[in-house]
């Protein structure tokens, strides 16, 4: 499910304008929350009129839908890069530390947490998040299956699904740990995550 954006004759210019609005919205959502941030506040931060913003997004729901899609595209690009490595399982393990550090960054997890909170009370946003998660999950599953077959590791569908869910839960949970324990020891966390995720990737 997607919330359509406005169409424009100059796609490059329109995309630049949309990114300008999204950058402003990220600041406003981080400061005031999704419901607290008004379109007037977003337009002021973006340096354009509210009417101009409506040329690119029909509503705040459309703005948050764009955030959902942008995050899904970021994850897809990362998985694509890993999936093209010669040793995919090792590449996945090597990227654990990077993924942990990224998910500890408030600039990275602030908007996703705001989207999740909104999804809890907004069925339309919940469907968008669920669709994005489904695509990312299937992408990760395909890569993990391919990687394990490279090493002669055959896994049942149910077990593969469980491993994928556990891997995703690790990284999503890291963001919450950062929120609740901002002074946590990053080095020890990365080392522990490597130890915990290695069996999920490599064990038969």
N, C-alpha and C. Protein backbone atom coordinates (compact mmCIF):
# COMPACT_ATOMS: atom_id res chain seq x y z
N UNK A 1 0.84 -1.19 0.00
CA UNK A 1 0.00 0.00 0.00
C UNK A 1 0.88 1.24 0.00
N UNK A 2 0.58 2.21 -0.80
CA UNK A 2 1.33 3.46 -0.83
C UNK A 2 0.36 4.63 -0.85
N UNK A 3 0.85 5.76 -0.38
CA UNK A 3 0.10 7.01 -0.47
C UNK A 3 0.71 7.80 -1.61
N UNK A 4 0.00 8.01 -2.71
CA UNK A 4 0.61 8.63 -3.89
C UNK A 4 1.04 10.05 -3.63
N UNK A 5 2.17 10.44 -4.25
CA UNK A 5 2.63 11.82 -4.19
C UNK A 5 2.20 12.52 -5.47
N UNK A 6 2.27 13.83 -5.45
CA UNK A 6 1.91 14.62 -6.62
C UNK A 6 2.90 14.37 -7.76
N UNK A 7 2.42 14.47 -8.97
CA UNK A 7 3.26 14.32 -10.15
C UNK A 7 3.63 15.69 -10.71
N UNK A 8 4.86 15.81 -11.20
CA UNK A 8 5.34 17.09 -11.71
C UNK A 8 6.06 16.88 -13.04
N UNK A 9 6.12 17.98 -13.83
CA UNK A 9 6.73 17.88 -15.15
C UNK A 9 8.24 17.74 -15.07
N UNK A 10 8.87 18.30 -14.03
CA UNK A 10 10.32 18.23 -13.88
C UNK A 10 10.63 17.31 -12.70
N UNK A 11 10.82 16.01 -12.96
CA UNK A 11 11.01 15.05 -11.86
C UNK A 11 12.20 15.36 -10.96
N UNK A 12 13.31 15.82 -11.55
CA UNK A 12 14.51 16.09 -10.75
C UNK A 12 14.25 17.24 -9.78
N UNK A 13 13.64 18.30 -10.27
CA UNK A 13 13.35 19.46 -9.42
C UNK A 13 12.33 19.09 -8.36
N UNK A 14 11.33 18.30 -8.76
CA UNK A 14 10.30 17.89 -7.81
C UNK A 14 10.90 17.01 -6.70
N UNK A 15 11.84 16.13 -7.08
CA UNK A 15 12.47 15.27 -6.08
C UNK A 15 13.30 16.10 -5.10
N UNK A 16 13.99 17.11 -5.62
CA UNK A 16 14.78 17.99 -4.75
C UNK A 16 13.86 18.72 -3.76
N UNK A 17 12.72 19.16 -4.24
CA UNK A 17 11.75 19.84 -3.38
C UNK A 17 11.19 18.88 -2.34
N UNK A 18 10.91 17.64 -2.74
CA UNK A 18 10.39 16.66 -1.79
C UNK A 18 11.41 16.38 -0.69
N UNK A 19 12.68 16.26 -1.09
CA UNK A 19 13.74 16.02 -0.11
C UNK A 19 13.86 17.20 0.84
N UNK A 20 13.67 18.41 0.32
CA UNK A 20 13.70 19.60 1.15
C UNK A 20 12.59 19.55 2.21
N UNK A 21 11.41 19.12 1.78
CA UNK A 21 10.28 19.01 2.71
C UNK A 21 10.55 17.90 3.74
N UNK A 22 11.08 16.77 3.28
CA UNK A 22 11.35 15.66 4.20
C UNK A 22 12.40 16.03 5.23
N UNK A 23 13.44 16.74 4.81
CA UNK A 23 14.46 17.18 5.76
C UNK A 23 13.86 18.10 6.82
N UNK A 24 12.99 19.00 6.38
CA UNK A 24 12.32 19.90 7.32
C UNK A 24 11.38 19.13 8.24
N UNK A 25 10.64 18.18 7.67
CA UNK A 25 9.71 17.39 8.46
C UNK A 25 10.45 16.57 9.52
N UNK A 26 11.63 16.05 9.17
CA UNK A 26 12.41 15.27 10.12
C UNK A 26 12.78 16.12 11.33
N UNK A 27 13.16 17.38 11.07
CA UNK A 27 13.48 18.30 12.17
C UNK A 27 12.24 18.55 13.03
N UNK A 28 11.11 18.80 12.39
CA UNK A 28 9.88 19.12 13.11
C UNK A 28 9.34 17.92 13.88
N UNK A 29 9.37 16.74 13.27
CA UNK A 29 8.89 15.54 13.96
C UNK A 29 9.78 15.23 15.16
N UNK A 30 11.09 15.42 14.98
CA UNK A 30 12.00 15.17 16.08
C UNK A 30 11.79 16.14 17.23
N UNK A 31 11.39 17.35 16.91
CA UNK A 31 11.19 18.39 17.93
C UNK A 31 9.82 18.33 18.57
N UNK A 32 8.78 18.07 17.76
CA UNK A 32 7.41 18.19 18.25
C UNK A 32 6.59 16.90 18.18
N UNK A 33 7.18 15.84 17.56
CA UNK A 33 6.40 14.63 17.36
C UNK A 33 5.54 14.75 16.11
N UNK A 34 5.00 13.62 15.66
CA UNK A 34 4.22 13.63 14.42
C UNK A 34 2.98 14.50 14.56
N UNK A 35 2.25 14.31 15.67
CA UNK A 35 1.00 15.06 15.83
C UNK A 35 1.27 16.51 16.23
N UNK A 36 2.36 16.76 16.94
CA UNK A 36 2.66 18.12 17.38
C UNK A 36 3.16 19.01 16.27
N UNK A 37 3.76 18.41 15.25
CA UNK A 37 4.31 19.19 14.14
C UNK A 37 3.21 19.50 13.13
N UNK A 38 2.98 20.77 12.89
CA UNK A 38 1.95 21.17 11.93
C UNK A 38 2.56 21.38 10.56
N UNK A 39 1.71 21.39 9.55
CA UNK A 39 2.18 21.66 8.20
C UNK A 39 2.76 23.07 8.13
N UNK A 40 2.21 24.00 8.94
CA UNK A 40 2.73 25.36 8.97
C UNK A 40 4.17 25.37 9.51
N UNK A 41 4.41 24.56 10.56
CA UNK A 41 5.76 24.47 11.12
C UNK A 41 6.72 23.86 10.11
N UNK A 42 6.26 22.82 9.43
CA UNK A 42 7.11 22.17 8.43
C UNK A 42 7.43 23.12 7.29
N UNK A 43 6.42 23.87 6.85
CA UNK A 43 6.64 24.80 5.73
C UNK A 43 7.61 25.91 6.13
N UNK A 44 7.51 26.40 7.36
CA UNK A 44 8.43 27.43 7.83
C UNK A 44 9.85 26.91 7.87
N UNK A 45 10.02 25.68 8.39
CA UNK A 45 11.35 25.07 8.48
C UNK A 45 11.91 24.81 7.09
N UNK A 46 11.04 24.42 6.16
CA UNK A 46 11.48 24.13 4.79
C UNK A 46 11.74 25.40 3.98
N UNK A 47 11.24 26.53 4.47
CA UNK A 47 11.42 27.78 3.74
C UNK A 47 10.53 27.88 2.52
N UNK A 48 9.33 27.29 2.61
CA UNK A 48 8.37 27.41 1.51
C UNK A 48 6.97 27.49 2.10
N UNK A 49 6.02 27.94 1.32
CA UNK A 49 4.66 28.10 1.82
C UNK A 49 4.00 26.73 2.00
N UNK A 50 3.00 26.70 2.90
CA UNK A 50 2.26 25.46 3.10
C UNK A 50 1.59 25.02 1.80
N UNK A 51 1.07 26.00 1.04
CA UNK A 51 0.45 25.67 -0.23
C UNK A 51 1.43 25.03 -1.20
N UNK A 52 2.68 25.49 -1.15
CA UNK A 52 3.71 24.91 -2.01
C UNK A 52 3.99 23.46 -1.61
N UNK A 53 4.02 23.21 -0.31
CA UNK A 53 4.26 21.84 0.16
C UNK A 53 3.16 20.90 -0.34
N UNK A 54 1.92 21.39 -0.35
CA UNK A 54 0.81 20.55 -0.80
C UNK A 54 0.91 20.22 -2.28
N UNK A 55 1.78 20.92 -3.00
CA UNK A 55 2.03 20.54 -4.39
C UNK A 55 2.83 19.24 -4.49
N UNK A 56 3.49 18.88 -3.38
CA UNK A 56 4.35 17.70 -3.39
C UNK A 56 3.82 16.58 -2.49
N UNK A 57 3.11 16.95 -1.43
CA UNK A 57 2.55 15.95 -0.52
C UNK A 57 1.14 16.37 -0.15
N UNK A 58 0.20 15.44 -0.23
CA UNK A 58 -1.20 15.75 0.06
C UNK A 58 -1.45 15.98 1.54
N UNK A 59 -0.61 15.40 2.40
CA UNK A 59 -0.89 15.42 3.84
C UNK A 59 0.36 15.01 4.62
N UNK A 60 0.27 15.09 5.95
CA UNK A 60 1.36 14.59 6.78
C UNK A 60 1.49 13.08 6.62
N UNK A 61 0.38 12.38 6.40
CA UNK A 61 0.45 10.94 6.14
C UNK A 61 1.32 10.65 4.92
N UNK A 62 1.18 11.48 3.88
CA UNK A 62 1.98 11.29 2.67
C UNK A 62 3.46 11.55 2.95
N UNK A 63 3.74 12.49 3.84
CA UNK A 63 5.13 12.77 4.22
C UNK A 63 5.73 11.59 4.96
N UNK A 64 5.00 11.06 5.91
CA UNK A 64 5.53 9.93 6.67
C UNK A 64 5.62 8.68 5.79
N UNK A 65 4.72 8.55 4.80
CA UNK A 65 4.82 7.45 3.85
C UNK A 65 6.11 7.54 3.06
N UNK A 66 6.53 8.76 2.74
CA UNK A 66 7.79 8.95 2.02
C UNK A 66 8.98 8.56 2.89
N UNK A 67 8.89 8.84 4.18
CA UNK A 67 9.94 8.40 5.10
C UNK A 67 10.03 6.88 5.13
N UNK A 68 8.88 6.23 5.17
CA UNK A 68 8.84 4.76 5.19
C UNK A 68 9.52 4.20 3.95
N UNK A 69 9.19 4.77 2.80
CA UNK A 69 9.74 4.27 1.54
C UNK A 69 11.23 4.57 1.44
N UNK A 70 11.65 5.73 1.90
CA UNK A 70 13.07 6.08 1.85
C UNK A 70 13.89 5.12 2.71
N UNK A 71 13.36 4.76 3.87
CA UNK A 71 14.07 3.83 4.75
C UNK A 71 14.12 2.44 4.12
N UNK A 72 13.03 2.03 3.48
CA UNK A 72 13.00 0.73 2.80
C UNK A 72 14.01 0.69 1.66
N UNK A 73 14.14 1.79 0.94
CA UNK A 73 15.11 1.86 -0.16
C UNK A 73 16.54 1.79 0.37
N UNK A 74 16.78 2.43 1.51
CA UNK A 74 18.12 2.39 2.12
C UNK A 74 18.50 0.96 2.51
N UNK A 75 17.56 0.24 3.11
CA UNK A 75 17.80 -1.14 3.51
C UNK A 75 18.01 -2.02 2.28
N UNK A 76 17.20 -1.81 1.24
CA UNK A 76 17.33 -2.60 0.01
C UNK A 76 18.68 -2.41 -0.63
N UNK A 77 19.18 -1.18 -0.65
CA UNK A 77 20.49 -0.90 -1.24
C UNK A 77 21.60 -1.58 -0.45
N UNK A 78 21.50 -1.55 0.87
CA UNK A 78 22.50 -2.20 1.72
C UNK A 78 22.50 -3.72 1.49
N UNK A 79 21.32 -4.32 1.42
CA UNK A 79 21.22 -5.76 1.21
C UNK A 79 21.71 -6.14 -0.19
N UNK A 80 21.43 -5.29 -1.17
CA UNK A 80 21.90 -5.55 -2.53
C UNK A 80 23.42 -5.60 -2.56
N UNK A 81 24.05 -4.66 -1.88
CA UNK A 81 25.52 -4.63 -1.84
C UNK A 81 26.07 -5.88 -1.18
N UNK A 82 25.48 -6.27 -0.06
CA UNK A 82 25.95 -7.48 0.65
C UNK A 82 25.73 -8.71 -0.21
N UNK A 83 24.58 -8.77 -0.88
CA UNK A 83 24.26 -9.93 -1.70
C UNK A 83 25.15 -10.12 -2.91
N UNK A 84 25.92 -9.10 -3.27
CA UNK A 84 26.83 -9.19 -4.40
C UNK A 84 28.25 -9.57 -3.99
N UNK A 85 28.48 -9.75 -2.69
CA UNK A 85 29.81 -10.13 -2.22
C UNK A 85 30.08 -11.61 -2.50
N UNK A 86 31.36 -11.96 -2.63
CA UNK A 86 31.73 -13.35 -2.90
C UNK A 86 31.34 -14.28 -1.76
N UNK A 87 31.57 -13.85 -0.54
CA UNK A 87 31.20 -14.63 0.64
C UNK A 87 30.13 -13.84 1.38
N UNK A 88 28.88 -14.14 1.09
CA UNK A 88 27.77 -13.33 1.60
C UNK A 88 27.65 -13.43 3.11
N UNK A 89 27.76 -14.65 3.65
CA UNK A 89 27.62 -14.80 5.10
C UNK A 89 28.68 -14.00 5.85
N UNK A 90 29.91 -14.05 5.37
CA UNK A 90 30.97 -13.31 6.03
C UNK A 90 30.73 -11.81 5.88
N UNK A 91 30.22 -11.40 4.72
CA UNK A 91 29.91 -9.97 4.52
C UNK A 91 28.81 -9.53 5.48
N UNK A 92 27.82 -10.39 5.70
CA UNK A 92 26.76 -10.06 6.65
C UNK A 92 27.33 -9.90 8.05
N UNK A 93 28.20 -10.81 8.44
CA UNK A 93 28.81 -10.73 9.77
C UNK A 93 29.69 -9.49 9.89
N UNK A 94 30.44 -9.20 8.84
CA UNK A 94 31.32 -8.03 8.85
C UNK A 94 30.54 -6.73 8.98
N UNK A 95 29.28 -6.72 8.56
CA UNK A 95 28.46 -5.51 8.60
C UNK A 95 27.67 -5.36 9.89
N UNK A 96 27.78 -6.34 10.79
CA UNK A 96 27.04 -6.26 12.04
C UNK A 96 27.42 -5.00 12.82
N UNK A 97 28.73 -4.77 12.97
CA UNK A 97 29.18 -3.61 13.73
C UNK A 97 28.68 -2.31 13.14
N UNK A 98 28.73 -2.19 11.82
CA UNK A 98 28.25 -0.98 11.14
C UNK A 98 26.77 -0.79 11.41
N UNK A 99 26.01 -1.89 11.29
CA UNK A 99 24.57 -1.81 11.51
C UNK A 99 24.22 -1.43 12.94
N UNK A 100 24.97 -1.97 13.90
CA UNK A 100 24.72 -1.64 15.30
C UNK A 100 24.97 -0.16 15.55
N UNK A 101 26.09 0.34 15.09
CA UNK A 101 26.44 1.75 15.29
C UNK A 101 25.42 2.67 14.62
N UNK A 102 25.00 2.32 13.41
CA UNK A 102 24.00 3.13 12.71
C UNK A 102 22.70 3.19 13.50
N UNK A 103 22.30 2.06 14.06
CA UNK A 103 21.03 2.00 14.78
C UNK A 103 21.10 2.61 16.17
N UNK A 104 22.30 2.96 16.62
CA UNK A 104 22.46 3.69 17.88
C UNK A 104 22.37 5.20 17.68
N UNK A 105 22.41 5.65 16.45
CA UNK A 105 22.42 7.08 16.13
C UNK A 105 21.00 7.65 16.19
N UNK A 106 20.74 8.59 17.11
CA UNK A 106 19.39 9.17 17.20
C UNK A 106 18.90 9.77 15.89
N UNK A 107 19.83 10.26 15.06
CA UNK A 107 19.42 10.82 13.77
C UNK A 107 18.87 9.73 12.85
N UNK A 108 19.26 8.48 13.12
CA UNK A 108 18.80 7.36 12.30
C UNK A 108 17.51 6.75 12.85
N UNK A 109 17.43 6.61 14.20
CA UNK A 109 16.28 5.89 14.75
C UNK A 109 15.13 6.79 15.18
N UNK A 110 15.35 8.12 15.23
CA UNK A 110 14.29 9.00 15.70
C UNK A 110 13.02 8.93 14.86
N UNK A 111 13.16 9.07 13.57
CA UNK A 111 11.99 9.04 12.68
C UNK A 111 11.34 7.66 12.64
N UNK A 112 12.11 6.55 12.50
CA UNK A 112 11.47 5.23 12.54
C UNK A 112 10.66 4.98 13.81
N UNK A 113 11.16 5.43 14.97
CA UNK A 113 10.39 5.26 16.20
C UNK A 113 9.12 6.10 16.17
N UNK A 114 9.22 7.29 15.62
CA UNK A 114 8.05 8.14 15.49
C UNK A 114 7.02 7.49 14.55
N UNK A 115 7.49 6.88 13.47
CA UNK A 115 6.59 6.20 12.55
C UNK A 115 5.92 5.01 13.22
N UNK A 116 6.68 4.26 14.01
CA UNK A 116 6.12 3.10 14.71
C UNK A 116 5.05 3.53 15.70
N UNK A 117 5.31 4.63 16.42
CA UNK A 117 4.32 5.14 17.37
C UNK A 117 3.04 5.55 16.64
N UNK A 118 3.20 6.22 15.50
CA UNK A 118 2.03 6.63 14.73
C UNK A 118 1.28 5.43 14.19
N UNK A 119 2.02 4.39 13.79
CA UNK A 119 1.38 3.19 13.25
C UNK A 119 0.51 2.49 14.29
N UNK A 120 0.85 2.66 15.57
CA UNK A 120 0.07 2.02 16.63
C UNK A 120 -1.34 2.59 16.73
N UNK A 121 -1.54 3.81 16.21
CA UNK A 121 -2.87 4.42 16.29
C UNK A 121 -3.44 4.79 14.92
N UNK A 122 -2.65 4.61 13.87
CA UNK A 122 -3.08 4.99 12.53
C UNK A 122 -2.98 3.77 11.61
N UNK A 123 -4.10 3.12 11.32
CA UNK A 123 -4.07 1.89 10.50
C UNK A 123 -3.43 2.08 9.13
N UNK A 124 -3.58 3.27 8.55
CA UNK A 124 -3.01 3.52 7.22
C UNK A 124 -1.49 3.48 7.28
N UNK A 125 -0.91 4.12 8.30
CA UNK A 125 0.54 4.10 8.47
C UNK A 125 1.02 2.70 8.85
N UNK A 126 0.22 2.01 9.65
CA UNK A 126 0.58 0.63 10.04
C UNK A 126 0.70 -0.25 8.80
N UNK A 127 -0.21 -0.11 7.86
CA UNK A 127 -0.16 -0.91 6.63
C UNK A 127 1.08 -0.58 5.81
N UNK A 128 1.45 0.71 5.77
CA UNK A 128 2.65 1.11 5.04
C UNK A 128 3.90 0.48 5.65
N UNK A 129 4.00 0.54 6.98
CA UNK A 129 5.14 -0.05 7.66
C UNK A 129 5.19 -1.56 7.47
N UNK A 130 4.04 -2.19 7.54
CA UNK A 130 3.99 -3.65 7.38
C UNK A 130 4.39 -4.06 5.97
N UNK A 131 3.99 -3.27 4.97
CA UNK A 131 4.37 -3.58 3.59
C UNK A 131 5.86 -3.39 3.39
N UNK A 132 6.42 -2.30 3.94
CA UNK A 132 7.86 -2.06 3.82
C UNK A 132 8.64 -3.16 4.54
N UNK A 133 8.15 -3.56 5.70
CA UNK A 133 8.81 -4.63 6.45
C UNK A 133 8.76 -5.95 5.69
N UNK A 134 7.62 -6.22 5.07
CA UNK A 134 7.48 -7.46 4.30
C UNK A 134 8.51 -7.51 3.17
N UNK A 135 8.67 -6.40 2.47
CA UNK A 135 9.64 -6.36 1.36
C UNK A 135 11.08 -6.52 1.86
N UNK A 136 11.41 -5.83 2.94
CA UNK A 136 12.76 -5.93 3.50
C UNK A 136 13.02 -7.34 4.04
N UNK A 137 12.02 -7.89 4.68
CA UNK A 137 12.14 -9.23 5.27
C UNK A 137 12.36 -10.28 4.18
N UNK A 138 11.58 -10.21 3.11
CA UNK A 138 11.73 -11.17 2.02
C UNK A 138 13.08 -11.02 1.33
N UNK A 139 13.54 -9.78 1.22
CA UNK A 139 14.85 -9.51 0.62
C UNK A 139 15.96 -10.13 1.46
N UNK A 140 15.91 -9.91 2.77
CA UNK A 140 16.89 -10.50 3.67
C UNK A 140 16.81 -12.02 3.63
N UNK A 141 15.61 -12.55 3.60
CA UNK A 141 15.43 -14.01 3.58
C UNK A 141 16.07 -14.62 2.33
N UNK A 142 15.85 -13.97 1.19
CA UNK A 142 16.41 -14.47 -0.07
C UNK A 142 17.93 -14.48 -0.01
N UNK A 143 18.52 -13.40 0.51
CA UNK A 143 19.97 -13.30 0.58
C UNK A 143 20.54 -14.31 1.57
N UNK A 144 19.89 -14.46 2.72
CA UNK A 144 20.37 -15.42 3.72
C UNK A 144 20.28 -16.85 3.20
N UNK A 145 19.20 -17.16 2.50
CA UNK A 145 19.04 -18.50 1.93
C UNK A 145 20.15 -18.76 0.91
N UNK A 146 20.39 -17.80 0.03
CA UNK A 146 21.44 -17.93 -0.98
C UNK A 146 22.80 -18.09 -0.32
N UNK A 147 23.06 -17.32 0.71
CA UNK A 147 24.36 -17.36 1.39
C UNK A 147 24.59 -18.70 2.06
N UNK A 148 23.57 -19.24 2.68
CA UNK A 148 23.73 -20.52 3.38
C UNK A 148 23.88 -21.68 2.38
N UNK A 149 23.17 -21.58 1.27
CA UNK A 149 23.32 -22.62 0.23
C UNK A 149 24.73 -22.60 -0.34
N UNK A 150 25.35 -21.43 -0.41
CA UNK A 150 26.73 -21.33 -0.88
C UNK A 150 27.66 -22.20 -0.04
N UNK A 151 27.32 -22.33 1.24
CA UNK A 151 28.15 -23.10 2.16
C UNK A 151 27.60 -24.50 2.41
N UNK A 152 26.59 -24.89 1.62
CA UNK A 152 26.02 -26.22 1.76
C UNK A 152 25.15 -26.38 2.98
N UNK A 153 24.63 -25.27 3.51
CA UNK A 153 23.78 -25.30 4.70
C UNK A 153 22.33 -25.25 4.26
N UNK A 154 21.62 -26.33 4.42
CA UNK A 154 20.22 -26.41 4.03
C UNK A 154 19.35 -26.16 5.25
N UNK A 155 18.42 -25.23 5.12
CA UNK A 155 17.58 -24.82 6.24
C UNK A 155 16.12 -24.91 5.83
N UNK A 156 15.28 -25.41 6.74
CA UNK A 156 13.85 -25.47 6.45
C UNK A 156 13.28 -24.06 6.35
N UNK A 157 12.14 -23.94 5.69
CA UNK A 157 11.52 -22.63 5.53
C UNK A 157 11.21 -22.00 6.88
N UNK A 158 10.65 -22.80 7.79
CA UNK A 158 10.27 -22.27 9.10
C UNK A 158 11.49 -21.78 9.87
N UNK A 159 12.57 -22.55 9.82
CA UNK A 159 13.78 -22.16 10.55
C UNK A 159 14.41 -20.91 9.93
N UNK A 160 14.39 -20.85 8.60
CA UNK A 160 14.93 -19.68 7.92
C UNK A 160 14.14 -18.43 8.30
N UNK A 161 12.82 -18.57 8.34
CA UNK A 161 11.98 -17.44 8.74
C UNK A 161 12.32 -16.98 10.15
N UNK A 162 12.53 -17.94 11.04
CA UNK A 162 12.86 -17.60 12.41
C UNK A 162 14.18 -16.87 12.52
N UNK A 163 15.16 -17.30 11.75
CA UNK A 163 16.47 -16.63 11.77
C UNK A 163 16.36 -15.21 11.26
N UNK A 164 15.59 -15.02 10.20
CA UNK A 164 15.40 -13.68 9.65
C UNK A 164 14.75 -12.76 10.69
N UNK A 165 13.70 -13.25 11.34
CA UNK A 165 13.02 -12.44 12.35
C UNK A 165 13.96 -12.08 13.50
N UNK A 166 14.79 -13.04 13.91
CA UNK A 166 15.72 -12.79 15.01
C UNK A 166 16.76 -11.73 14.63
N UNK A 167 17.26 -11.80 13.40
CA UNK A 167 18.26 -10.83 12.94
C UNK A 167 17.65 -9.43 12.92
N UNK A 168 16.44 -9.32 12.38
CA UNK A 168 15.78 -8.01 12.33
C UNK A 168 15.53 -7.49 13.75
N UNK A 169 15.09 -8.38 14.64
CA UNK A 169 14.81 -7.97 16.01
C UNK A 169 16.05 -7.43 16.71
N UNK A 170 17.20 -8.03 16.41
CA UNK A 170 18.45 -7.54 17.00
C UNK A 170 18.64 -6.07 16.68
N UNK A 171 18.56 -5.73 15.40
CA UNK A 171 18.88 -4.36 14.99
C UNK A 171 17.80 -3.37 15.40
N UNK A 172 16.53 -3.78 15.37
CA UNK A 172 15.48 -2.89 15.82
C UNK A 172 15.60 -2.65 17.32
N UNK A 173 16.00 -3.68 18.06
CA UNK A 173 16.15 -3.54 19.50
C UNK A 173 17.29 -2.63 19.90
N UNK A 174 18.32 -2.57 19.09
CA UNK A 174 19.47 -1.72 19.39
C UNK A 174 19.04 -0.25 19.53
N UNK A 175 18.13 0.19 18.69
CA UNK A 175 17.67 1.57 18.75
C UNK A 175 16.99 1.86 20.08
N UNK A 176 16.19 0.93 20.57
CA UNK A 176 15.52 1.12 21.86
C UNK A 176 16.53 1.15 23.00
N UNK A 177 17.57 0.32 22.90
CA UNK A 177 18.60 0.33 23.94
C UNK A 177 19.30 1.68 23.97
N UNK A 178 19.53 2.26 22.81
CA UNK A 178 20.17 3.56 22.74
C UNK A 178 19.30 4.64 23.38
N UNK A 179 18.00 4.53 23.19
CA UNK A 179 17.07 5.50 23.77
C UNK A 179 17.05 5.38 25.29
N UNK A 180 16.99 4.15 25.80
CA UNK A 180 16.87 3.92 27.23
C UNK A 180 18.20 3.96 27.97
N UNK A 181 19.29 3.66 27.24
CA UNK A 181 20.62 3.63 27.86
C UNK A 181 21.62 4.31 26.92
N UNK A 182 21.56 5.63 26.83
CA UNK A 182 22.40 6.35 25.86
C UNK A 182 23.90 6.24 26.12
N UNK A 183 24.28 5.86 27.34
CA UNK A 183 25.71 5.77 27.67
C UNK A 183 26.23 4.33 27.62
N UNK A 184 25.51 3.46 26.94
CA UNK A 184 25.94 2.06 26.88
C UNK A 184 27.31 1.94 26.21
N UNK A 185 28.00 0.85 26.51
CA UNK A 185 29.34 0.59 25.96
C UNK A 185 29.18 0.03 24.55
N UNK A 186 29.42 0.86 23.55
CA UNK A 186 29.19 0.48 22.16
C UNK A 186 30.11 -0.67 21.75
N UNK A 187 31.37 -0.61 22.16
CA UNK A 187 32.34 -1.63 21.76
C UNK A 187 31.92 -3.00 22.27
N UNK A 188 31.51 -3.08 23.53
CA UNK A 188 31.10 -4.38 24.08
C UNK A 188 29.79 -4.85 23.45
N UNK A 189 28.90 -3.90 23.13
CA UNK A 189 27.64 -4.27 22.49
C UNK A 189 27.90 -4.86 21.11
N UNK A 190 28.76 -4.21 20.33
CA UNK A 190 29.09 -4.72 18.99
C UNK A 190 29.68 -6.12 19.09
N UNK A 191 30.61 -6.33 20.05
CA UNK A 191 31.24 -7.63 20.21
C UNK A 191 30.20 -8.69 20.58
N UNK A 192 29.28 -8.34 21.46
CA UNK A 192 28.25 -9.29 21.89
C UNK A 192 27.28 -9.61 20.74
N UNK A 193 26.93 -8.59 19.96
CA UNK A 193 26.04 -8.82 18.82
C UNK A 193 26.70 -9.72 17.78
N UNK A 194 27.99 -9.54 17.56
CA UNK A 194 28.72 -10.43 16.65
C UNK A 194 28.67 -11.87 17.14
N UNK A 195 28.90 -12.06 18.44
CA UNK A 195 28.87 -13.42 18.98
C UNK A 195 27.47 -14.03 18.88
N UNK A 196 26.45 -13.21 19.11
CA UNK A 196 25.08 -13.72 19.10
C UNK A 196 24.57 -14.00 17.69
N UNK A 197 24.96 -13.16 16.74
CA UNK A 197 24.45 -13.32 15.38
C UNK A 197 25.20 -14.36 14.56
N UNK A 198 26.44 -14.64 14.91
CA UNK A 198 27.24 -15.59 14.14
C UNK A 198 26.55 -16.96 14.03
N UNK A 199 26.02 -17.53 15.12
CA UNK A 199 25.34 -18.83 14.98
C UNK A 199 24.09 -18.76 14.10
N UNK A 200 23.38 -17.63 14.14
CA UNK A 200 22.20 -17.49 13.28
C UNK A 200 22.57 -17.51 11.81
N UNK A 201 23.75 -17.00 11.51
CA UNK A 201 24.20 -16.97 10.12
C UNK A 201 24.86 -18.28 9.69
N UNK A 202 25.73 -18.83 10.55
CA UNK A 202 26.62 -19.91 10.11
C UNK A 202 26.22 -21.31 10.60
N UNK A 203 25.51 -21.41 11.70
CA UNK A 203 25.23 -22.75 12.23
C UNK A 203 24.23 -23.50 11.36
N UNK A 204 24.42 -24.81 11.29
CA UNK A 204 23.51 -25.65 10.50
C UNK A 204 22.17 -25.78 11.22
